[in-house]
Amino acid sequence: MPTLLAFALLVIVLYWLQRWISQHVQGIGILLFNSSNAGMALLWFVLLPGVLLHEASHWLMAKLLGVPTGRLRLTPTVQGKQVVLGSVEVKRTDPLRDSLVGLAPFLAGTLALLAIGYGVFDAAGLGLAWERGDWGGLLAQFVAAFRVDDAWLWLYLLVAVSNAMMPSPSDRESWRLVLIYLGVVAAVMLLFGWLPTLPASLVDALTGGLRTLTYAFSLALLIDLLFAAGLALVELLLSALRGGKVVYK
């Protein structure tokens, strides 16, 4: 349970930080070019690899589930009050398949974070140092991440993927019905004592898998925090030079 809670909190913090980063990248574009369209274009350019992964995962999941797809758009647009960096037309079917298609970017982004976190950086070492409270070791592991081959490319990809992997409001439209159904089923099983007791080996495997995910997401969060700090500094300097600031709603 503590591991599950830690992972859930990480996802929530990453979601909030993604929204902050998106707003302030656009803010920097507005300060530089005095245009909201330029801010939107800058955000699209910064997150382009993540946008490509996001839309490709929708398309691939739809194809795997036999859901018809239409035009794939990879240009930024404004829909209402929301900036849309890309889209793929997917026919509405049943709530389960719609939910899986909407969840696809998060699943694909998670796989990408795992691949980069463990294939390029030592995410496990960072996580273990954090759990032990070894702050010196944590700092050493974090600094070492900047010394791997093509470090800046991989760090950029971490930022782009982690800030484009969260499902959009349209992706989450069919989740409510599925979550209600699962909640009712779980409540009935709990009420009648039908919840199975999981073997200890399976619990250990699930806990280990969650810990692996938590380490990868923790690395992404650390890099995103560093990126956000850089954005804040750049925006502060541009605001001082321009004699004004962007007001976020």
Foldseek 3Di string as FASTA:
>chain_A
DVLVVLLVVLLVVLQVLLVVVLVLQLQLLCLVPVDSVSSLVSSLVLLVVQLVLLAVQLVVLCVVVVWDWDDWFQPWDDDPNDIDRIHIGTDDDDLVSLLCSLLRLLVSLLVLLLCLCVVFAVLVQLLVCVVVVVVVSNVVSLVVCCVTVVSVVSLSNLQSNSSNSDGDPSSCVSVVVVVVVVVVVVVVCVVVVNDDDDDPVVVVVVSVVSSSSSSSSVSSVVSSVVVVVVSVVSQVVSCVVSVHGDDDD
